[in-house]
Amino acid sequence: MFSQERSTLFSVNKMYDLIIIGSGPAGLSAAIYAARAKLDFVVIESAYVSGGQILSTYEIDNYPGLPGISGQELADKMRAHADALGAQFIIDRIDSISGTLGNFVLKSSTKEYEAKTVIITTGAEHAKLGVEGEDTFQGKGVSYCATCDGMFFRKKDVVVVGGGDTALSDAIYLSRICNSVTLIHRRDELRGAKSLQDKYFSADNAKVEWSSELASINGDKMVSSVTIRNKVTGELKELPVRGVFIAVGIKPNSSYFEGFVETDDRGYIIAGENGATSVEGIFAAGDVRKKALRQIITAAADGANAVDSVQEVLTKL
């Protein structure tokens, strides 16, 4: 946890051309392009390992030229590329931005950083259902990352909640190691890619509870069952399972920046394809930005576009 006390702030006492906040695909892409542009910049990351959400992806099959690569391997390659170009990384958590173009101040719990421009690439995190038992059993049978925790449920019965690409990808992965996988979806058809649906339904141990929602997660010290509710009939059904994997969407990590840059009603930072936000000199890239498609390739493109925009803005100073 980070203290909110401001009286002990330490100033880094350096004005960077650019500070990149976050080190997922967008942040690492921005770092590569900023290094190639010979900008004086630093990447501030809150985690000890770069990569963001892709670290929890078992297999990536849609990144051009690298079919079947794991999320960890792709993240390592991106970070190594940035390191080879001389990118500098600092582990800290930025929780506020103030100032104007040419003189932005970024604050963490203990330090202040100054930059002429900023790229926000803080990404997004998994959304919660808010059902009974979800918080109680988090880490005790409830997970938001199938590739992180799936092996703990080897040869056990599990459920996956959701109907999009992430839920299907998780269910496919789990079907390879678990006794059975039941997909719980609130509609009567899935939203995920047809190719993923075909792969899931080809598994002998794959099941679906259509038009259903999770009502509660049950157990003593660990998850032992879930109660689901059919949205059409209202019928309640209890399924004995040991694992509950929740994949119902993401929410942007933008709360610290709301009120400074314009966001939509879900908290996504409003920025164009060039990354420009409502504040000149502040750019957004990756999953934190409001856009139609959130994929690794679009996040990487965002990072490149944002650095190009940074270079253009710096010429005004």
Protein backbone atom coordinates (compact mmCIF):
# COMPACT_ATOMS: atom_id res chain seq x y z
CA MET A 1 0.00 0.00 0.00
CA PHE A 2 1.12 3.54 -0.69
CA SER A 3 0.75 6.35 1.82
CA GLN A 4 -1.10 9.43 0.65
CA GLU A 5 1.05 11.75 2.81
CA ARG A 6 2.47 14.55 0.66
CA SER A 7 4.79 16.29 3.12
CA THR A 8 7.54 13.69 2.55
CA LEU A 9 7.58 13.95 -1.26
CA PHE A 10 11.03 13.74 -2.81
CA SER A 11 11.62 15.55 -6.09
CA VAL A 12 13.58 13.68 -8.75
CA ASN A 13 14.73 17.15 -9.88
CA LYS A 14 14.89 16.30 -13.58
CA MET A 15 12.73 17.50 -16.43
CA TYR A 16 12.15 14.64 -18.89
CA ASP A 17 10.97 15.13 -22.45
CA LEU A 18 8.50 12.31 -21.79
CA ILE A 19 7.30 10.07 -19.01
CA ILE A 20 5.47 6.86 -19.95
CA ILE A 21 3.21 5.53 -17.20
CA GLY A 22 2.75 1.77 -17.50
CA SER A 23 4.67 -1.06 -19.16
CA GLY A 24 2.14 -3.24 -20.95
CA PRO A 25 2.31 -3.61 -24.76
CA ALA A 26 1.40 0.05 -25.28
CA GLY A 27 3.98 1.31 -22.79
CA LEU A 28 6.73 -0.97 -24.09
CA SER A 29 5.96 -0.02 -27.68
CA ALA A 30 6.08 3.66 -26.69
CA ALA A 31 9.42 3.06 -24.96
CA ILE A 32 10.88 1.46 -28.10
CA TYR A 33 9.74 4.33 -30.31
CA ALA A 34 10.81 6.99 -27.79
CA ALA A 35 14.26 5.43 -27.56
CA ARG A 36 14.60 5.34 -31.34
CA ALA A 37 13.55 9.00 -31.42
CA LYS A 38 16.35 9.80 -28.94
CA LEU A 39 13.95 11.37 -26.45
CA ASP A 40 14.99 11.87 -22.83
CA PHE A 41 12.35 9.70 -21.19
CA VAL A 42 11.60 7.17 -18.49
CA VAL A 43 8.98 4.44 -18.06
CA ILE A 44 7.31 4.31 -14.65
CA GLU A 45 5.76 0.89 -13.95
CA SER A 46 3.86 -0.17 -10.85
CA ALA A 47 4.62 -3.90 -11.21
CA TYR A 48 7.96 -5.64 -10.88
CA VAL A 49 7.47 -7.38 -14.23
CA SER A 50 6.65 -5.64 -17.51
CA GLY A 51 3.87 -6.88 -19.77
CA GLY A 52 0.55 -5.92 -18.23
CA GLN A 53 -2.40 -8.17 -18.99
CA ILE A 54 -0.55 -10.30 -21.52
CA LEU A 55 1.37 -11.90 -18.67
CA SER A 56 -1.80 -13.84 -17.85
CA THR A 57 -2.36 -15.04 -21.43
CA TYR A 58 -1.33 -18.64 -21.97
CA GLU A 59 -1.20 -18.57 -25.75
CA ILE A 60 -1.39 -15.69 -28.23
CA ASP A 61 -2.40 -16.70 -31.73
CA ASN A 62 -3.20 -13.35 -33.35
CA TYR A 63 0.01 -11.35 -33.02
CA PRO A 64 1.44 -11.19 -36.56
CA GLY A 65 4.51 -13.33 -37.14
CA LEU A 66 4.48 -14.97 -33.70
CA PRO A 67 1.61 -17.48 -33.70
CA GLY A 68 1.30 -19.54 -30.54
CA ILE A 69 3.68 -17.42 -28.48
CA SER A 70 2.91 -17.22 -24.77
CA GLY A 71 2.06 -13.90 -23.14
CA GLN A 72 5.11 -14.16 -20.87
CA GLU A 73 7.44 -14.76 -23.80
CA LEU A 74 6.03 -11.88 -25.84
CA ALA A 75 6.29 -9.54 -22.84
CA ASP A 76 9.90 -10.61 -22.30
CA LYS A 77 10.73 -9.97 -25.95
CA MET A 78 9.14 -6.51 -25.89
CA ARG A 79 10.96 -5.57 -22.68
CA ALA A 80 14.26 -6.90 -24.00
CA HIS A 81 13.80 -4.80 -27.15
CA ALA A 82 13.24 -1.66 -25.06
CA ASP A 83 16.20 -2.48 -22.81
CA ALA A 84 18.49 -3.00 -25.80
CA LEU A 85 17.65 0.51 -26.99
CA GLY A 86 18.53 1.99 -23.60
CA ALA A 87 15.05 2.59 -22.16
CA GLN A 88 15.07 3.34 -18.44
CA PHE A 89 12.44 1.89 -16.07
CA ILE A 90 11.44 3.00 -12.57
CA ILE A 91 9.17 1.01 -10.27
CA ASP A 92 6.67 3.39 -8.67
CA ARG A 93 2.95 4.10 -8.70
CA ILE A 94 1.81 7.46 -10.05
CA ASP A 95 -1.41 8.64 -8.46
CA SER A 96 -1.82 12.20 -9.75
CA ILE A 97 -0.86 14.52 -12.59
CA SER A 98 -0.96 18.30 -12.65
CA GLY A 99 0.48 21.11 -14.75
CA THR A 100 0.47 22.05 -18.40
CA LEU A 101 2.39 21.26 -21.58
CA GLY A 102 6.09 21.60 -20.92
CA ASN A 103 5.74 21.40 -17.15
CA PHE A 104 3.77 18.40 -15.90
CA VAL A 105 4.23 17.16 -12.35
CA LEU A 106 3.57 13.49 -11.60
CA LYS A 107 3.28 12.43 -7.97
CA SER A 108 3.58 9.09 -6.28
CA SER A 109 3.39 8.56 -2.52
CA THR A 110 7.01 9.59 -2.03
CA LYS A 111 8.31 11.24 -5.18
CA GLU A 112 7.60 13.94 -7.73
CA TYR A 113 8.56 13.60 -11.38
CA GLU A 114 8.57 16.35 -14.00
CA ALA A 115 8.05 15.98 -17.72
CA LYS A 116 7.25 18.08 -20.74
CA THR A 117 4.84 15.41 -22.03
CA VAL A 118 3.19 12.26 -20.65
CA ILE A 119 1.81 9.06 -22.17
CA ILE A 120 -0.65 7.17 -19.97
CA THR A 121 -0.58 3.43 -20.69
CA THR A 122 -1.95 2.10 -17.40
CA GLY A 123 -4.20 -0.46 -19.09
CA ALA A 124 -7.20 -2.08 -17.49
CA GLU A 125 -8.03 -4.76 -14.96
CA HIS A 126 -10.53 -7.56 -14.64
CA ALA A 127 -14.06 -6.58 -13.66
CA LYS A 128 -15.78 -8.31 -10.73
CA LEU A 129 -19.26 -9.78 -10.63
CA GLY A 130 -20.12 -8.57 -7.14
CA VAL A 131 -21.84 -11.82 -6.18
CA GLU A 132 -21.95 -13.42 -2.76
CA GLY A 133 -18.76 -15.32 -2.00
CA GLU A 134 -16.65 -13.68 -4.72
CA ASP A 135 -14.43 -11.67 -2.38
CA THR A 136 -14.49 -14.32 0.36
CA PHE A 137 -13.08 -17.02 -1.92
CA GLN A 138 -10.74 -14.94 -4.05
CA GLY A 139 -7.51 -16.92 -4.10
CA LYS A 140 -9.40 -19.84 -2.54
CA GLY A 141 -11.05 -21.08 -5.69
CA VAL A 142 -12.02 -17.81 -7.33
CA SER A 143 -9.64 -16.54 -10.00
CA TYR A 144 -9.55 -13.95 -12.77
CA CYS A 145 -6.62 -15.55 -14.56
CA ALA A 146 -6.98 -19.07 -15.92
CA THR A 147 -3.41 -19.31 -17.14
CA CYS A 148 -2.07 -18.10 -13.80
CA ASP A 149 -4.10 -20.44 -11.60
CA GLY A 150 -5.44 -23.19 -13.86
CA MET A 151 -2.88 -25.80 -12.85
CA PHE A 152 -4.17 -25.64 -9.27
CA PHE A 153 -7.40 -27.18 -10.59
CA ARG A 154 -5.91 -29.98 -12.63
CA LYS A 155 -8.43 -32.86 -13.02
CA LYS A 156 -11.06 -30.89 -11.09
CA ASP A 157 -14.45 -29.46 -12.14
CA VAL A 158 -14.53 -25.72 -12.80
CA VAL A 159 -16.79 -23.03 -14.21
CA VAL A 160 -15.95 -20.02 -16.36
CA VAL A 161 -18.26 -17.00 -16.23
CA GLY A 162 -18.53 -14.97 -19.43
CA GLY A 163 -19.13 -15.30 -23.15
CA GLY A 164 -16.50 -13.23 -24.92
CA ASP A 165 -13.06 -14.03 -26.35
CA THR A 166 -11.37 -13.99 -22.95
CA ALA A 167 -13.90 -16.35 -21.38
CA LEU A 168 -13.65 -18.76 -24.31
CA SER A 169 -9.85 -18.65 -24.34
CA ASP A 170 -9.83 -19.38 -20.61
CA ALA A 171 -12.33 -22.21 -21.02
CA ILE A 172 -10.33 -23.77 -23.85
CA TYR A 173 -7.16 -23.69 -21.79
CA LEU A 174 -8.90 -25.15 -18.75
CA SER A 175 -10.54 -27.91 -20.82
CA ARG A 176 -7.06 -29.29 -21.48
CA ILE A 177 -6.22 -29.77 -17.81
CA CYS A 178 -9.49 -29.93 -15.86
CA ASN A 179 -11.98 -32.76 -15.50
CA SER A 180 -14.81 -30.57 -16.81
CA VAL A 181 -15.42 -26.95 -17.72
CA THR A 182 -18.85 -25.33 -17.62
CA LEU A 183 -19.25 -21.96 -19.30
CA ILE A 184 -21.91 -19.80 -17.61
CA HIS A 185 -23.31 -17.17 -19.94
CA ARG A 186 -26.20 -14.78 -19.40
CA ARG A 187 -27.37 -14.90 -23.02
CA ASP A 188 -28.45 -17.71 -25.35
CA GLU A 189 -25.49 -17.22 -27.66
CA LEU A 190 -21.82 -16.43 -27.17
CA ARG A 191 -20.17 -13.16 -28.18
CA GLY A 192 -16.70 -14.60 -28.72
CA ALA A 193 -15.03 -15.37 -32.04
CA LYS A 194 -16.53 -18.30 -33.93
CA SER A 195 -13.12 -19.95 -34.18
CA LEU A 196 -12.86 -19.96 -30.39
CA GLN A 197 -16.40 -21.29 -30.02
CA ASP A 198 -15.63 -24.15 -32.39
CA LYS A 199 -12.46 -25.02 -30.48
CA TYR A 200 -14.26 -24.97 -27.14
CA PHE A 201 -17.22 -27.08 -28.23
CA SER A 202 -14.87 -29.64 -29.78
CA ALA A 203 -13.68 -30.58 -26.29
CA ASP A 204 -15.38 -33.61 -24.77
CA ASN A 205 -15.48 -32.07 -21.30
CA ALA A 206 -16.93 -28.68 -22.36
CA LYS A 207 -20.39 -27.68 -21.14
CA VAL A 208 -22.55 -24.53 -21.22
CA GLU A 209 -25.27 -23.14 -18.99
CA TRP A 210 -27.15 -20.82 -21.33
CA SER A 211 -29.15 -17.74 -20.24
CA SER A 212 -27.75 -18.10 -16.73
CA GLU A 213 -25.94 -16.01 -14.17
CA LEU A 214 -23.88 -16.76 -11.11
CA ALA A 215 -25.99 -16.25 -7.99
CA SER A 216 -23.43 -17.21 -5.34
CA ILE A 217 -20.11 -18.92 -4.77
CA ASN A 218 -20.25 -21.42 -1.93
CA GLY A 219 -17.85 -23.24 0.31
CA ASP A 220 -16.17 -23.40 3.69
CA LYS A 221 -12.46 -22.68 3.53
CA MET A 222 -12.36 -23.26 -0.24
CA VAL A 223 -14.91 -23.17 -3.07
CA SER A 224 -17.04 -26.31 -3.15
CA SER A 225 -19.93 -25.25 -5.41
CA VAL A 226 -21.68 -22.42 -7.21
CA THR A 227 -25.35 -21.55 -7.41
CA ILE A 228 -26.56 -20.40 -10.81
CA ARG A 229 -29.85 -18.80 -11.74
CA ASN A 230 -31.58 -19.33 -15.06
CA LYS A 231 -32.60 -15.86 -16.25
CA VAL A 232 -35.60 -17.18 -18.19
CA THR A 233 -37.18 -19.55 -15.65
CA GLY A 234 -35.68 -18.19 -12.43
CA GLU A 235 -34.66 -21.73 -11.48
CA LEU A 236 -31.69 -22.08 -9.13
CA LYS A 237 -29.19 -24.87 -9.62
CA GLU A 238 -26.16 -25.84 -7.57
CA LEU A 239 -23.08 -27.14 -9.36
CA PRO A 240 -20.30 -28.85 -7.39
CA VAL A 241 -17.03 -27.24 -8.55
CA ARG A 242 -13.65 -26.42 -7.09
CA GLY A 243 -12.74 -23.48 -9.30
CA VAL A 244 -14.54 -20.34 -10.49
CA PHE A 245 -12.88 -18.33 -13.26
CA ILE A 246 -14.45 -14.93 -13.89
CA ALA A 247 -14.00 -13.31 -17.31
CA VAL A 248 -16.71 -10.68 -17.65
CA GLY A 249 -14.75 -7.74 -18.96
CA ILE A 250 -12.26 -5.17 -17.86
CA LYS A 251 -12.26 -1.69 -16.37
CA PRO A 252 -9.66 0.97 -17.11
CA ASN A 253 -6.97 1.88 -14.59
CA SER A 254 -7.68 5.58 -14.91
CA SER A 255 -9.13 6.66 -11.56
CA TYR A 256 -6.08 8.75 -10.65
CA PHE A 257 -6.40 10.73 -13.88
CA GLU A 258 -10.15 11.33 -13.91
CA GLY A 259 -10.88 15.01 -13.51
CA PHE A 260 -7.59 15.95 -15.15
CA VAL A 261 -8.18 14.41 -18.57
CA GLU A 262 -11.59 13.77 -20.07
CA THR A 263 -12.99 10.25 -19.65
CA ASP A 264 -16.19 8.53 -20.70
CA ASP A 265 -18.83 7.21 -18.30
CA ARG A 266 -16.89 3.96 -17.87
CA GLY A 267 -13.62 5.70 -17.06
CA TYR A 268 -11.85 5.17 -20.38
CA ILE A 269 -9.68 8.14 -21.35
CA ILE A 270 -11.03 9.88 -24.43
CA ALA A 271 -8.23 10.15 -26.98
CA GLY A 272 -7.99 9.96 -30.75
CA GLU A 273 -5.87 7.62 -32.86
CA ASN A 274 -2.96 10.01 -32.30
CA GLY A 275 -3.34 9.48 -28.55
CA ALA A 276 -4.12 13.13 -27.81
CA THR A 277 -6.34 13.68 -24.78
CA SER A 278 -8.26 16.77 -23.69
CA VAL A 279 -5.04 18.15 -22.15
CA GLU A 280 -2.33 19.21 -24.58
CA GLY A 281 0.81 17.21 -23.95
CA ILE A 282 -0.99 14.32 -22.26
CA PHE A 283 -1.54 11.21 -24.39
CA ALA A 284 -3.27 7.88 -23.78
CA ALA A 285 -2.44 4.55 -25.37
CA GLY A 286 -3.60 0.96 -25.02
CA ASP A 287 -6.53 -0.46 -23.09
CA VAL A 288 -6.95 2.66 -20.94
CA ARG A 289 -8.01 4.59 -24.07
CA LYS A 290 -11.59 4.61 -25.36
CA LYS A 291 -11.60 2.63 -28.60
CA ALA A 292 -13.39 -0.14 -30.43
CA LEU A 293 -10.80 -2.92 -30.37
CA ARG A 294 -8.53 -3.75 -27.44
CA GLN A 295 -5.87 -6.18 -28.62
CA ILE A 296 -2.10 -6.43 -28.20
CA ILE A 297 -1.51 -5.22 -31.74
CA THR A 298 -3.72 -2.15 -31.30
CA ALA A 299 -2.06 -1.33 -27.98
CA ALA A 300 1.37 -1.51 -29.61
CA ALA A 301 0.14 0.71 -32.45
CA ASP A 302 -1.23 3.18 -29.90
CA GLY A 303 2.18 3.42 -28.26
CA ALA A 304 3.86 4.19 -31.56
CA ASN A 305 1.24 6.78 -32.53
CA ALA A 306 1.48 8.49 -29.15
CA VAL A 307 5.26 8.91 -29.41
CA ASP A 308 4.87 10.37 -32.90
CA SER A 309 2.41 12.87 -31.41
CA VAL A 310 4.81 13.63 -28.55
CA GLN A 311 7.57 14.50 -31.02
CA GLU A 312 5.22 16.86 -32.84
CA VAL A 313 4.18 18.61 -29.60
CA LEU A 314 7.78 18.94 -28.38
CA THR A 315 8.60 21.04 -31.45
CA LYS A 316 6.27 23.73 -30.03
CA LEU A 317 8.38 24.15 -26.91
